[in-house]
Protein backbone atom coordinates (compact mmCIF):
# COMPACT_ATOMS: atom_id res chain seq x y z
CA MET A 1 -43.42 -0.60 -51.67
CA VAL A 2 -39.74 -1.52 -51.83
CA LYS A 3 -37.55 -0.94 -48.80
CA ASP A 4 -34.23 0.74 -49.36
CA LYS A 5 -31.64 -1.58 -47.86
CA LYS A 6 -28.95 1.04 -47.43
CA SER A 7 -30.21 4.50 -46.63
CA PRO A 8 -27.74 7.36 -46.12
CA HIS A 9 -28.84 7.66 -42.49
CA THR A 10 -27.87 4.06 -41.71
CA SER A 11 -24.45 4.58 -43.23
CA LEU A 12 -23.89 7.77 -41.25
CA LEU A 13 -25.04 6.16 -38.00
CA THR A 14 -22.75 3.20 -38.62
CA GLN A 15 -19.79 5.51 -39.17
CA ILE A 16 -20.58 7.46 -36.01
CA ARG A 17 -20.93 4.27 -34.00
CA ARG A 18 -17.64 2.86 -35.31
CA GLY A 19 -15.91 6.17 -34.60
CA LEU A 20 -17.20 6.26 -31.03
CA PHE A 21 -16.27 2.64 -30.39
CA SER A 22 -12.75 3.24 -31.69
CA GLN A 23 -12.36 6.26 -29.39
CA PHE A 24 -13.51 4.41 -26.27
CA ARG A 25 -11.68 1.12 -26.96
CA LEU A 26 -9.56 0.04 -23.99
CA ASP A 27 -7.37 -2.48 -25.81
CA ASP A 28 -4.77 0.13 -26.77
CA ASP A 29 -4.09 1.14 -23.16
CA GLN A 30 -4.05 -2.34 -21.67
CA ALA A 31 -0.82 -3.16 -19.86
CA ASP A 32 0.93 -6.49 -20.08
CA TYR A 33 -0.05 -8.98 -17.36
CA THR A 34 3.57 -9.49 -16.28
CA GLN A 35 3.97 -5.72 -15.91
CA ILE A 36 0.83 -5.54 -13.74
CA ASP A 37 1.99 -8.49 -11.65
CA THR A 38 5.42 -6.94 -11.09
CA SER A 39 3.94 -3.56 -10.21
CA ILE A 40 1.56 -5.00 -7.60
CA ARG A 41 4.24 -7.23 -6.08
CA ASN A 42 6.64 -4.28 -5.78
CA GLY A 43 3.93 -2.10 -4.23
CA VAL A 44 3.43 -4.55 -1.37
CA ARG A 45 6.87 -3.91 0.11
CA MET A 46 6.97 -1.38 2.94
CA ARG A 47 10.58 -0.27 2.52
CA GLY A 48 12.46 2.79 1.39
CA THR A 49 10.23 5.47 -0.07
CA ASN A 50 7.00 3.79 1.02
CA LEU A 51 8.20 3.66 4.62
CA TRP A 52 9.19 7.34 4.61
CA VAL A 53 5.85 8.36 3.11
CA LEU A 54 4.10 6.30 5.79
CA VAL A 55 6.09 8.06 8.53
CA PHE A 56 5.11 11.47 7.17
CA ALA A 57 1.48 10.39 6.77
CA ILE A 58 1.45 9.32 10.42
CA PHE A 59 2.97 12.69 11.35
CA VAL A 60 0.31 14.59 9.36
CA ALA A 61 -2.46 12.44 10.87
CA SER A 62 -1.14 13.17 14.37
CA ILE A 63 -1.23 16.90 13.68
CA GLY A 64 -4.77 16.53 12.34
CA LEU A 65 -5.85 14.71 15.49
CA ASN A 66 -4.22 17.32 17.72
CA VAL A 67 -5.95 20.25 16.01
CA ASN A 68 -9.18 18.30 15.51
CA SER A 69 -9.15 18.83 11.73
CA THR A 70 -11.01 16.28 9.66
CA ALA A 71 -9.53 17.65 6.44
CA VAL A 72 -5.95 17.10 7.64
CA ILE A 73 -6.76 13.55 8.74
CA ILE A 74 -8.28 12.79 5.34
CA GLY A 75 -5.19 14.31 3.72
CA ALA A 76 -3.01 11.95 5.75
CA MET A 77 -5.09 9.02 4.54
CA LEU A 78 -4.63 10.17 0.96
CA ILE A 79 -0.84 10.35 1.16
CA SER A 80 -0.40 7.10 3.07
CA PRO A 81 1.08 4.31 0.93
CA LEU A 82 -1.35 1.63 2.11
CA MET A 83 -2.98 1.08 -1.27
CA GLY A 84 -0.12 -1.18 -2.42
CA PRO A 85 -0.57 -3.74 0.37
CA ILE A 86 -4.36 -3.57 0.04
CA MET A 87 -4.10 -4.31 -3.69
CA GLY A 88 -1.59 -7.05 -2.88
CA VAL A 89 -4.11 -8.78 -0.60
CA GLY A 90 -6.84 -8.64 -3.23
CA TYR A 91 -4.57 -9.69 -6.09
CA GLY A 92 -3.02 -12.49 -4.05
CA MET A 93 -6.46 -13.86 -3.20
CA ALA A 94 -7.58 -13.58 -6.81
CA ILE A 95 -4.64 -15.61 -8.16
CA TYR A 96 -4.39 -17.92 -5.12
CA ASP A 97 -0.89 -16.69 -4.22
CA PHE A 98 -1.06 -16.95 -0.46
CA GLU A 99 2.59 -15.97 -0.03
CA LEU A 100 1.73 -12.59 -1.58
CA VAL A 101 -1.33 -12.32 0.70
CA ARG A 102 0.87 -13.08 3.71
CA ARG A 103 3.46 -10.44 2.72
CA ALA A 104 0.75 -7.86 2.05
CA LEU A 105 -0.96 -8.51 5.38
CA LYS A 106 2.42 -8.28 7.10
CA ALA A 107 3.00 -4.88 5.46
CA LEU A 108 -0.47 -3.72 6.52
CA GLY A 109 0.13 -4.96 10.06
CA MET A 110 3.43 -3.09 10.20
CA ALA A 111 1.72 0.11 9.08
């Protein structure tokens, strides 16, 4: 009995697999490392728009506490701009940039 080395099913499965891998490949959407670095460093600052959003998030959280509404408090947490400093702390620790960690912790402490 001779085995068929290339059956039509194998070819079809290979094409499906290649098609799926090409659809789920992440290389096309990957940002440049300098762009990521700049974005995280800019997100650490608690000035301008971030500061205003923080003020309004505090206002919304205060209303939520006054009316005893968990949903409003969670909404205030969602609109607060604290993710930038949190990412700054993690990124700074990952790349051993302790100046970035210090600035991010300062921004978190101010918030």
